[in-house]
Amino acid sequence: MVNGMVTKKVTVTLPEGQLERVRKLVAKGAVESVSGFVTDAVSMSLDDAEGYGAMLREGLERTGGPMTRKERAWADRILGIKPRRRKKTV
């Protein structure tokens, strides 16, 4: 965690096994704290998500843009995704 960074305290729920593993890393001195570990993990996850979004946009640009309805319906059938029902507006 960067010193001087503005932070906000939140509650995060983790599976017991994951928390125990993080605490063992803290005890070994491999990471500074549970909070520091979670901050780094969130930062990496955000970078990954943003990177994947950029890769997807680039791939779509190279292959002709977003999928058409017909292409999306085909992909949904192949992947076994059932069509969503549209909500009726009253």
PDB file of N, CA and C in Angstrom:
ATOM      1  N   MET A   1       0.850  -1.171   0.000  1.00  0.00           N
ATOM      2  CA  MET A   1       0.000   0.000   0.000  1.00  0.00           C
ATOM      3  C   MET A   1       0.897   1.236   0.000  1.00  0.00           C
ATOM      4  N   VAL A   2       0.491   2.223  -0.763  1.00  0.00           N
ATOM      5  CA  VAL A   2       1.266   3.444  -0.876  1.00  0.00           C
ATOM      6  C   VAL A   2       1.002   4.322   0.344  1.00  0.00           C
ATOM      7  N   ASN A   3       2.055   4.760   1.005  1.00  0.00           N
ATOM      8  CA  ASN A   3       1.892   5.655   2.151  1.00  0.00           C
ATOM      9  C   ASN A   3       1.308   6.976   1.692  1.00  0.00           C
ATOM     10  N   GLY A   4       0.411   7.520   2.504  1.00  0.00           N
ATOM     11  CA  GLY A   4      -0.194   8.789   2.168  1.00  0.00           C
ATOM     12  C   GLY A   4      -1.419   8.658   1.280  1.00  0.00           C
ATOM     13  N   MET A   5      -1.735   7.431   0.859  1.00  0.00           N
ATOM     14  CA  MET A   5      -2.896   7.210   0.016  1.00  0.00           C
ATOM     15  C   MET A   5      -4.162   7.398   0.855  1.00  0.00           C
ATOM     16  N   VAL A   6      -5.152   8.084   0.295  1.00  0.00           N
ATOM     17  CA  VAL A   6      -6.417   8.249   0.989  1.00  0.00           C
ATOM     18  C   VAL A   6      -7.119   6.900   0.964  1.00  0.00           C
ATOM     19  N   THR A   7      -7.527   6.431   2.129  1.00  0.00           N
ATOM     20  CA  THR A   7      -8.170   5.129   2.221  1.00  0.00           C
ATOM     21  C   THR A   7      -9.501   5.246   2.935  1.00  0.00           C
ATOM     22  N   LYS A   8     -10.298   4.213   2.803  1.00  0.00           N
ATOM     23  CA  LYS A   8     -11.580   4.136   3.483  1.00  0.00           C
ATOM     24  C   LYS A   8     -11.724   2.721   4.000  1.00  0.00           C
ATOM     25  N   LYS A   9     -12.109   2.582   5.238  1.00  0.00           N
ATOM     26  CA  LYS A   9     -12.259   1.274   5.851  1.00  0.00           C
ATOM     27  C   LYS A   9     -13.565   0.633   5.397  1.00  0.00           C
ATOM     28  N   VAL A  10     -13.483  -0.625   4.967  1.00  0.00           N
ATOM     29  CA  VAL A  10     -14.656  -1.387   4.559  1.00  0.00           C
ATOM     30  C   VAL A  10     -14.572  -2.778   5.176  1.00  0.00           C
ATOM     31  N   THR A  11     -15.688  -3.456   5.203  1.00  0.00           N
ATOM     32  CA  THR A  11     -15.714  -4.843   5.667  1.00  0.00           C
ATOM     33  C   THR A  11     -15.738  -5.739   4.443  1.00  0.00           C
ATOM     34  N   VAL A  12     -14.849  -6.718   4.417  1.00  0.00           N
ATOM     35  CA  VAL A  12     -14.776  -7.669   3.315  1.00  0.00           C
ATOM     36  C   VAL A  12     -14.919  -9.066   3.904  1.00  0.00           C
ATOM     37  N   THR A  13     -15.731  -9.888   3.286  1.00  0.00           N
ATOM     38  CA  THR A  13     -15.921 -11.256   3.746  1.00  0.00           C
ATOM     39  C   THR A  13     -15.120 -12.183   2.850  1.00  0.00           C
ATOM     40  N   LEU A  14     -14.266 -13.008   3.467  1.00  0.00           N
ATOM     41  CA  LEU A  14     -13.441 -13.970   2.738  1.00  0.00           C
ATOM     42  C   LEU A  14     -13.699 -15.363   3.269  1.00  0.00           C
ATOM     43  N   PRO A  15     -13.537 -16.375   2.435  1.00  0.00           N
ATOM     44  CA  PRO A  15     -13.589 -17.736   2.951  1.00  0.00           C
ATOM     45  C   PRO A  15     -12.484 -17.925   3.997  1.00  0.00           C
ATOM     46  N   GLU A  16     -12.783 -18.696   5.035  1.00  0.00           N
ATOM     47  CA  GLU A  16     -11.823 -18.875   6.135  1.00  0.00           C
ATOM     48  C   GLU A  16     -10.462 -19.344   5.658  1.00  0.00           C
ATOM     49  N   GLY A  17     -10.454 -20.269   4.702  1.00  0.00           N
ATOM     50  CA  GLY A  17      -9.184 -20.801   4.201  1.00  0.00           C
ATOM     51  C   GLY A  17      -8.319 -19.738   3.558  1.00  0.00           C
ATOM     52  N   GLN A  18      -8.945 -18.840   2.800  1.00  0.00           N
ATOM     53  CA  GLN A  18      -8.188 -17.759   2.168  1.00  0.00           C
ATOM     54  C   GLN A  18      -7.631 -16.806   3.208  1.00  0.00           C
ATOM     55  N   LEU A  19      -8.449 -16.450   4.178  1.00  0.00           N
ATOM     56  CA  LEU A  19      -7.990 -15.537   5.222  1.00  0.00           C
ATOM     57  C   LEU A  19      -6.825 -16.147   5.995  1.00  0.00           C
ATOM     58  N   GLU A  20      -6.917 -17.431   6.296  1.00  0.00           N
ATOM     59  CA  GLU A  20      -5.835 -18.105   7.022  1.00  0.00           C
ATOM     60  C   GLU A  20      -4.548 -18.077   6.201  1.00  0.00           C
ATOM     61  N   ARG A  21      -4.653 -18.300   4.899  1.00  0.00           N
ATOM     62  CA  ARG A  21      -3.461 -18.264   4.045  1.00  0.00           C
ATOM     63  C   ARG A  21      -2.836 -16.878   4.029  1.00  0.00           C
ATOM     64  N   VAL A  22      -3.668 -15.837   3.962  1.00  0.00           N
ATOM     65  CA  VAL A  22      -3.144 -14.467   3.974  1.00  0.00           C
ATOM     66  C   VAL A  22      -2.465 -14.194   5.311  1.00  0.00           C
ATOM     67  N   ARG A  23      -3.107 -14.613   6.411  1.00  0.00           N
ATOM     68  CA  ARG A  23      -2.508 -14.392   7.741  1.00  0.00           C
ATOM     69  C   ARG A  23      -1.172 -15.107   7.885  1.00  0.00           C
ATOM     70  N   LYS A  24      -1.034 -16.274   7.288  1.00  0.00           N
ATOM     71  CA  LYS A  24       0.249 -16.992   7.324  1.00  0.00           C
ATOM     72  C   LYS A  24       1.324 -16.198   6.576  1.00  0.00           C
ATOM     73  N   LEU A  25       0.937 -15.591   5.448  1.00  0.00           N
ATOM     74  CA  LEU A  25       1.893 -14.757   4.709  1.00  0.00           C
ATOM     75  C   LEU A  25       2.325 -13.554   5.537  1.00  0.00           C
ATOM     76  N   VAL A  26       1.380 -12.969   6.275  1.00  0.00           N
ATOM     77  CA  VAL A  26       1.707 -11.841   7.151  1.00  0.00           C
ATOM     78  C   VAL A  26       2.662 -12.307   8.237  1.00  0.00           C
ATOM     79  N   ALA A  27       2.362 -13.464   8.841  1.00  0.00           N
ATOM     80  CA  ALA A  27       3.204 -13.987   9.922  1.00  0.00           C
ATOM     81  C   ALA A  27       4.629 -14.269   9.446  1.00  0.00           C
ATOM     82  N   LYS A  28       4.766 -14.713   8.206  1.00  0.00           N
ATOM     83  CA  LYS A  28       6.090 -14.992   7.636  1.00  0.00           C
ATOM     84  C   LYS A  28       6.818 -13.719   7.224  1.00  0.00           C
ATOM     85  N   GLY A  29       6.086 -12.610   7.191  1.00  0.00           N
ATOM     86  CA  GLY A  29       6.686 -11.358   6.747  1.00  0.00           C
ATOM     87  C   GLY A  29       6.684 -11.205   5.244  1.00  0.00           C
ATOM     88  N   ALA A  30       5.965 -12.088   4.544  1.00  0.00           N
ATOM     89  CA  ALA A  30       5.910 -12.020   3.085  1.00  0.00           C
ATOM     90  C   ALA A  30       5.061 -10.842   2.615  1.00  0.00           C
ATOM     91  N   VAL A  31       4.079 -10.467   3.411  1.00  0.00           N
ATOM     92  CA  VAL A  31       3.257  -9.288   3.129  1.00  0.00           C
ATOM     93  C   VAL A  31       3.140  -8.490   4.406  1.00  0.00           C
ATOM     94  N   GLU A  32       2.884  -7.190   4.261  1.00  0.00           N
ATOM     95  CA  GLU A  32       2.868  -6.286   5.409  1.00  0.00           C
ATOM     96  C   GLU A  32       1.673  -6.500   6.325  1.00  0.00           C
ATOM     97  N   SER A  33       0.489  -6.675   5.719  1.00  0.00           N
ATOM     98  CA  SER A  33      -0.731  -6.801   6.506  1.00  0.00           C
ATOM     99  C   SER A  33      -1.828  -7.414   5.652  1.00  0.00           C
ATOM    100  N   VAL A  34      -2.903  -7.838   6.298  1.00  0.00           N
ATOM    101  CA  VAL A  34      -4.052  -8.354   5.567  1.00  0.00           C
ATOM    102  C   VAL A  34      -4.602  -7.242   4.672  1.00  0.00           C
ATOM    103  N   SER A  35      -4.749  -6.045   5.219  1.00  0.00           N
ATOM    104  CA  SER A  35      -5.261  -4.920   4.430  1.00  0.00           C
ATOM    105  C   SER A  35      -4.368  -4.633   3.225  1.00  0.00           C
ATOM    106  N   GLY A  36      -3.066  -4.654   3.429  1.00  0.00           N
ATOM    107  CA  GLY A  36      -2.132  -4.416   2.328  1.00  0.00           C
ATOM    108  C   GLY A  36      -2.258  -5.484   1.249  1.00  0.00           C
ATOM    109  N   PHE A  37      -2.406  -6.733   1.679  1.00  0.00           N
ATOM    110  CA  PHE A  37      -2.563  -7.827   0.724  1.00  0.00           C
ATOM    111  C   PHE A  37      -3.836  -7.633  -0.095  1.00  0.00           C
ATOM    112  N   VAL A  38      -4.950  -7.319   0.579  1.00  0.00           N
ATOM    113  CA  VAL A  38      -6.223  -7.131  -0.114  1.00  0.00           C
ATOM    114  C   VAL A  38      -6.142  -5.938  -1.064  1.00  0.00           C
ATOM    115  N   THR A  39      -5.505  -4.852  -0.631  1.00  0.00           N
ATOM    116  CA  THR A  39      -5.335  -3.680  -1.490  1.00  0.00           C
ATOM    117  C   THR A  39      -4.577  -4.047  -2.757  1.00  0.00           C
ATOM    118  N   ASP A  40      -3.481  -4.793  -2.612  1.00  0.00           N
ATOM    119  CA  ASP A  40      -2.705  -5.213  -3.780  1.00  0.00           C
ATOM    120  C   ASP A  40      -3.512  -6.139  -4.679  1.00  0.00           C
ATOM    121  N   ALA A  41      -4.273  -7.068  -4.074  1.00  0.00           N
ATOM    122  CA  ALA A  41      -5.082  -8.004  -4.857  1.00  0.00           C
ATOM    123  C   ALA A  41      -6.158  -7.265  -5.650  1.00  0.00           C
ATOM    124  N   VAL A  42      -6.801  -6.294  -5.025  1.00  0.00           N
ATOM    125  CA  VAL A  42      -7.833  -5.510  -5.719  1.00  0.00           C
ATOM    126  C   VAL A  42      -7.201  -4.708  -6.850  1.00  0.00           C
ATOM    127  N   SER A  43      -6.046  -4.132  -6.603  1.00  0.00           N
ATOM    128  CA  SER A  43      -5.360  -3.354  -7.633  1.00  0.00           C
ATOM    129  C   SER A  43      -5.037  -4.224  -8.846  1.00  0.00           C
ATOM    130  N   MET A  44      -4.510  -5.421  -8.607  1.00  0.00           N
ATOM    131  CA  MET A  44      -4.186  -6.326  -9.712  1.00  0.00           C
ATOM    132  C   MET A  44      -5.452  -6.750 -10.450  1.00  0.00           C
ATOM    133  N   SER A  45      -6.513  -7.014  -9.712  1.00  0.00           N
ATOM    134  CA  SER A  45      -7.765  -7.431 -10.327  1.00  0.00           C
ATOM    135  C   SER A  45      -8.344  -6.317 -11.203  1.00  0.00           C
ATOM    136  N   LEU A  46      -8.282  -5.091 -10.725  1.00  0.00           N
ATOM    137  CA  LEU A  46      -8.754  -3.960 -11.516  1.00  0.00           C
ATOM    138  C   LEU A  46      -7.930  -3.798 -12.797  1.00  0.00           C
ATOM    139  N   ASP A  47      -6.610  -3.936 -12.671  1.00  0.00           N
ATOM    140  CA  ASP A  47      -5.745  -3.844 -13.852  1.00  0.00           C
ATOM    141  C   ASP A  47      -6.094  -4.939 -14.854  1.00  0.00           C
ATOM    142  N   ASP A  48      -6.324  -6.167 -14.360  1.00  0.00           N
ATOM    143  CA  ASP A  48      -6.695  -7.274 -15.237  1.00  0.00           C
ATOM    144  C   ASP A  48      -8.014  -6.984 -15.944  1.00  0.00           C
ATOM    145  N   ALA A  49      -9.017  -6.546 -15.191  1.00  0.00           N
ATOM    146  CA  ALA A  49     -10.331  -6.286 -15.767  1.00  0.00           C
ATOM    147  C   ALA A  49     -10.250  -5.209 -16.837  1.00  0.00           C
ATOM    148  N   GLU A  50      -9.496  -4.146 -16.570  1.00  0.00           N
ATOM    149  CA  GLU A  50      -9.339  -3.072 -17.546  1.00  0.00           C
ATOM    150  C   GLU A  50      -8.567  -3.564 -18.764  1.00  0.00           C
ATOM    151  N   GLY A  51      -7.568  -4.398 -18.526  1.00  0.00           N
ATOM    152  CA  GLY A  51      -6.774  -4.949 -19.631  1.00  0.00           C
ATOM    153  C   GLY A  51      -7.599  -5.856 -20.515  1.00  0.00           C
ATOM    154  N   TYR A  52      -8.439  -6.698 -19.901  1.00  0.00           N
ATOM    155  CA  TYR A  52      -9.286  -7.600 -20.683  1.00  0.00           C
ATOM    156  C   TYR A  52     -10.286  -6.804 -21.499  1.00  0.00           C
ATOM    157  N   GLY A  53     -10.821  -5.735 -20.920  1.00  0.00           N
ATOM    158  CA  GLY A  53     -11.754  -4.891 -21.660  1.00  0.00           C
ATOM    159  C   GLY A  53     -11.095  -4.274 -22.882  1.00  0.00           C
ATOM    160  N   ALA A  54      -9.858  -3.822 -22.711  1.00  0.00           N
ATOM    161  CA  ALA A  54      -9.123  -3.229 -23.833  1.00  0.00           C
ATOM    162  C   ALA A  54      -8.838  -4.282 -24.900  1.00  0.00           C
ATOM    163  N   MET A  55      -8.462  -5.486 -24.479  1.00  0.00           N
ATOM    164  CA  MET A  55      -8.203  -6.559 -25.443  1.00  0.00           C
ATOM    165  C   MET A  55      -9.475  -6.921 -26.205  1.00  0.00           C
ATOM    166  N   LEU A  56     -10.607  -6.972 -25.497  1.00  0.00           N
ATOM    167  CA  LEU A  56     -11.869  -7.286 -26.150  1.00  0.00           C
ATOM    168  C   LEU A  56     -12.222  -6.222 -27.179  1.00  0.00           C
ATOM    169  N   ARG A  57     -12.098  -4.942 -26.790  1.00  0.00           N
ATOM    170  CA  ARG A  57     -12.392  -3.856 -27.734  1.00  0.00           C
ATOM    171  C   ARG A  57     -11.506  -3.959 -28.973  1.00  0.00           C
ATOM    172  N   GLU A  58     -10.209  -4.207 -28.766  1.00  0.00           N
ATOM    173  CA  GLU A  58      -9.278  -4.312 -29.888  1.00  0.00           C
ATOM    174  C   GLU A  58      -9.652  -5.496 -30.784  1.00  0.00           C
ATOM    175  N   GLY A  59      -9.976  -6.621 -30.165  1.00  0.00           N
ATOM    176  CA  GLY A  59     -10.368  -7.794 -30.947  1.00  0.00           C
ATOM    177  C   GLY A  59     -11.627  -7.542 -31.757  1.00  0.00           C
ATOM    178  N   LEU A  60     -12.602  -6.877 -31.148  1.00  0.00           N
ATOM    179  CA  LEU A  60     -13.834  -6.564 -31.867  1.00  0.00           C
ATOM    180  C   LEU A  60     -13.573  -5.622 -33.036  1.00  0.00           C
ATOM    181  N   GLU A  61     -12.689  -4.647 -32.826  1.00  0.00           N
ATOM    182  CA  GLU A  61     -12.356  -3.710 -33.902  1.00  0.00           C
ATOM    183  C   GLU A  61     -11.697  -4.437 -35.072  1.00  0.00           C
ATOM    184  N   ARG A  62     -10.829  -5.391 -34.756  1.00  0.00           N
ATOM    185  CA  ARG A  62     -10.110  -6.122 -35.809  1.00  0.00           C
ATOM    186  C   ARG A  62     -11.013  -7.098 -36.560  1.00  0.00           C
ATOM    187  N   THR A  63     -12.098  -7.546 -35.929  1.00  0.00           N
ATOM    188  CA  THR A  63     -12.943  -8.576 -36.546  1.00  0.00           C
ATOM    189  C   THR A  63     -14.289  -8.052 -37.014  1.00  0.00           C
ATOM    190  N   GLY A  64     -14.459  -6.763 -37.095  1.00  0.00           N
ATOM    191  CA  GLY A  64     -15.688  -6.238 -37.657  1.00  0.00           C
ATOM    192  C   GLY A  64     -16.653  -5.631 -36.678  1.00  0.00           C
ATOM    193  N   GLY A  65     -16.235  -5.398 -35.467  1.00  0.00           N
ATOM    194  CA  GLY A  65     -17.096  -4.719 -34.503  1.00  0.00           C
ATOM    195  C   GLY A  65     -17.906  -5.670 -33.651  1.00  0.00           C
ATOM    196  N   PRO A  66     -18.823  -5.117 -32.873  1.00  0.00           N
ATOM    197  CA  PRO A  66     -19.618  -5.929 -31.955  1.00  0.00           C
ATOM    198  C   PRO A  66     -20.421  -6.992 -32.705  1.00  0.00           C
ATOM    199  N   MET A  67     -20.786  -8.044 -31.971  1.00  0.00           N
ATOM    200  CA  MET A  67     -21.556  -9.127 -32.557  1.00  0.00           C
ATOM    201  C   MET A  67     -22.948  -8.643 -32.963  1.00  0.00           C
ATOM    202  N   THR A  68     -23.435  -9.198 -34.062  1.00  0.00           N
ATOM    203  CA  THR A  68     -24.804  -8.909 -34.476  1.00  0.00           C
ATOM    204  C   THR A  68     -25.753  -9.738 -33.612  1.00  0.00           C
ATOM    205  N   ARG A  69     -27.038  -9.444 -33.671  1.00  0.00           N
ATOM    206  CA  ARG A  69     -28.016 -10.238 -32.917  1.00  0.00           C
ATOM    207  C   ARG A  69     -27.954 -11.700 -33.333  1.00  0.00           C
ATOM    208  N   LYS A  70     -27.798 -11.935 -34.632  1.00  0.00           N
ATOM    209  CA  LYS A  70     -27.726 -13.303 -35.151  1.00  0.00           C
ATOM    210  C   LYS A  70     -26.488 -14.021 -34.595  1.00  0.00           C
ATOM    211  N   GLU A  71     -25.344 -13.338 -34.583  1.00  0.00           N
ATOM    212  CA  GLU A  71     -24.116 -13.929 -34.043  1.00  0.00           C
ATOM    213  C   GLU A  71     -24.252 -14.202 -32.546  1.00  0.00           C
ATOM    214  N   ARG A  72     -24.863 -13.266 -31.829  1.00  0.00           N
ATOM    215  CA  ARG A  72     -25.052 -13.433 -30.388  1.00  0.00           C
ATOM    216  C   ARG A  72     -25.986 -14.614 -30.100  1.00  0.00           C
ATOM    217  N   ALA A  73     -27.064 -14.749 -30.889  1.00  0.00           N
ATOM    218  CA  ALA A  73     -27.994 -15.872 -30.713  1.00  0.00           C
ATOM    219  C   ALA A  73     -27.283 -17.196 -30.978  1.00  0.00           C
ATOM    220  N   TRP A  74     -26.432 -17.242 -32.018  1.00  0.00           N
ATOM    221  CA  TRP A  74     -25.664 -18.447 -32.318  1.00  0.00           C
ATOM    222  C   TRP A  74     -24.736 -18.793 -31.152  1.00  0.00           C
ATOM    223  N   ALA A  75     -24.011 -17.799 -30.646  1.00  0.00           N
ATOM    224  CA  ALA A  75     -23.084 -18.027 -29.533  1.00  0.00           C
ATOM    225  C   ALA A  75     -23.837 -18.496 -28.290  1.00  0.00           C
ATOM    226  N   ASP A  76     -24.982 -17.902 -28.029  1.00  0.00           N
ATOM    227  CA  ASP A  76     -25.786 -18.316 -26.875  1.00  0.00           C
ATOM    228  C   ASP A  76     -26.208 -19.773 -27.008  1.00  0.00           C
ATOM    229  N   ARG A  77     -26.633 -20.177 -28.226  1.00  0.00           N
ATOM    230  CA  ARG A  77     -27.027 -21.579 -28.438  1.00  0.00           C
ATOM    231  C   ARG A  77     -25.845 -22.508 -28.198  1.00  0.00           C
ATOM    232  N   ILE A  78     -24.694 -22.169 -28.753  1.00  0.00           N
ATOM    233  CA  ILE A  78     -23.488 -23.000 -28.611  1.00  0.00           C
ATOM    234  C   ILE A  78     -23.077 -23.126 -27.142  1.00  0.00           C
ATOM    235  N   LEU A  79     -23.179 -22.020 -26.404  1.00  0.00           N
ATOM    236  CA  LEU A  79     -22.772 -22.002 -24.996  1.00  0.00           C
ATOM    237  C   LEU A  79     -23.862 -22.502 -24.049  1.00  0.00           C
ATOM    238  N   GLY A  80     -25.052 -22.770 -24.593  1.00  0.00           N
ATOM    239  CA  GLY A  80     -26.144 -23.265 -23.762  1.00  0.00           C
ATOM    240  C   GLY A  80     -26.787 -22.197 -22.900  1.00  0.00           C
ATOM    241  N   ILE A  81     -26.716 -20.953 -23.351  1.00  0.00           N
ATOM    242  CA  ILE A  81     -27.301 -19.848 -22.591  1.00  0.00           C
ATOM    243  C   ILE A  81     -28.733 -19.640 -23.073  1.00  0.00           C
ATOM    244  N   LYS A  82     -29.654 -19.693 -22.134  1.00  0.00           N
ATOM    245  CA  LYS A  82     -31.061 -19.516 -22.482  1.00  0.00           C
ATOM    246  C   LYS A  82     -31.351 -18.037 -22.713  1.00  0.00           C
ATOM    247  N   PRO A  83     -32.218 -17.754 -23.689  1.00  0.00           N
ATOM    248  CA  PRO A  83     -32.562 -16.341 -23.941  1.00  0.00           C
ATOM    249  C   PRO A  83     -33.225 -15.721 -22.721  1.00  0.00           C
ATOM    250  N   ARG A  84     -32.921 -14.470 -22.490  1.00  0.00           N
ATOM    251  CA  ARG A  84     -33.545 -13.748 -21.378  1.00  0.00           C
ATOM    252  C   ARG A  84     -34.928 -13.306 -21.789  1.00  0.00           C
ATOM    253  N   ARG A  85     -35.837 -13.368 -20.837  1.00  0.00           N
ATOM    254  CA  ARG A  85     -37.170 -12.834 -21.091  1.00  0.00           C
ATOM    255  C   ARG A  85     -37.129 -11.342 -20.837  1.00  0.00           C
ATOM    256  N   ARG A  86     -37.720 -10.609 -21.715  1.00  0.00           N
ATOM    257  CA  ARG A  86     -37.774  -9.158 -21.523  1.00  0.00           C
ATOM    258  C   ARG A  86     -38.866  -8.836 -20.535  1.00  0.00           C
ATOM    259  N   LYS A  87     -38.571  -7.914 -19.639  1.00  0.00           N
ATOM    260  CA  LYS A  87     -39.564  -7.486 -18.659  1.00  0.00           C
ATOM    261  C   LYS A  87     -40.612  -6.629 -19.355  1.00  0.00           C
ATOM    262  N   LYS A  88     -41.859  -6.905 -19.031  1.00  0.00           N
ATOM    263  CA  LYS A  88     -42.935  -6.104 -19.592  1.00  0.00           C
ATOM    264  C   LYS A  88     -43.061  -4.812 -18.802  1.00  0.00           C
ATOM    265  N   THR A  89     -43.187  -3.732 -19.513  1.00  0.00           N
ATOM    266  CA  THR A  89     -43.390  -2.441 -18.846  1.00  0.00           C
ATOM    267  C   THR A  89     -44.876  -2.205 -18.726  1.00  0.00           C
ATOM    268  N   VAL A  90     -45.268  -1.704 -17.581  1.00  0.00           N
ATOM    269  CA  VAL A  90     -46.697  -1.479 -17.320  1.00  0.00           C
ATOM    270  C   VAL A  90     -47.053  -0.059 -17.583  1.00  0.00           C
TER     271      VAL A  90
END
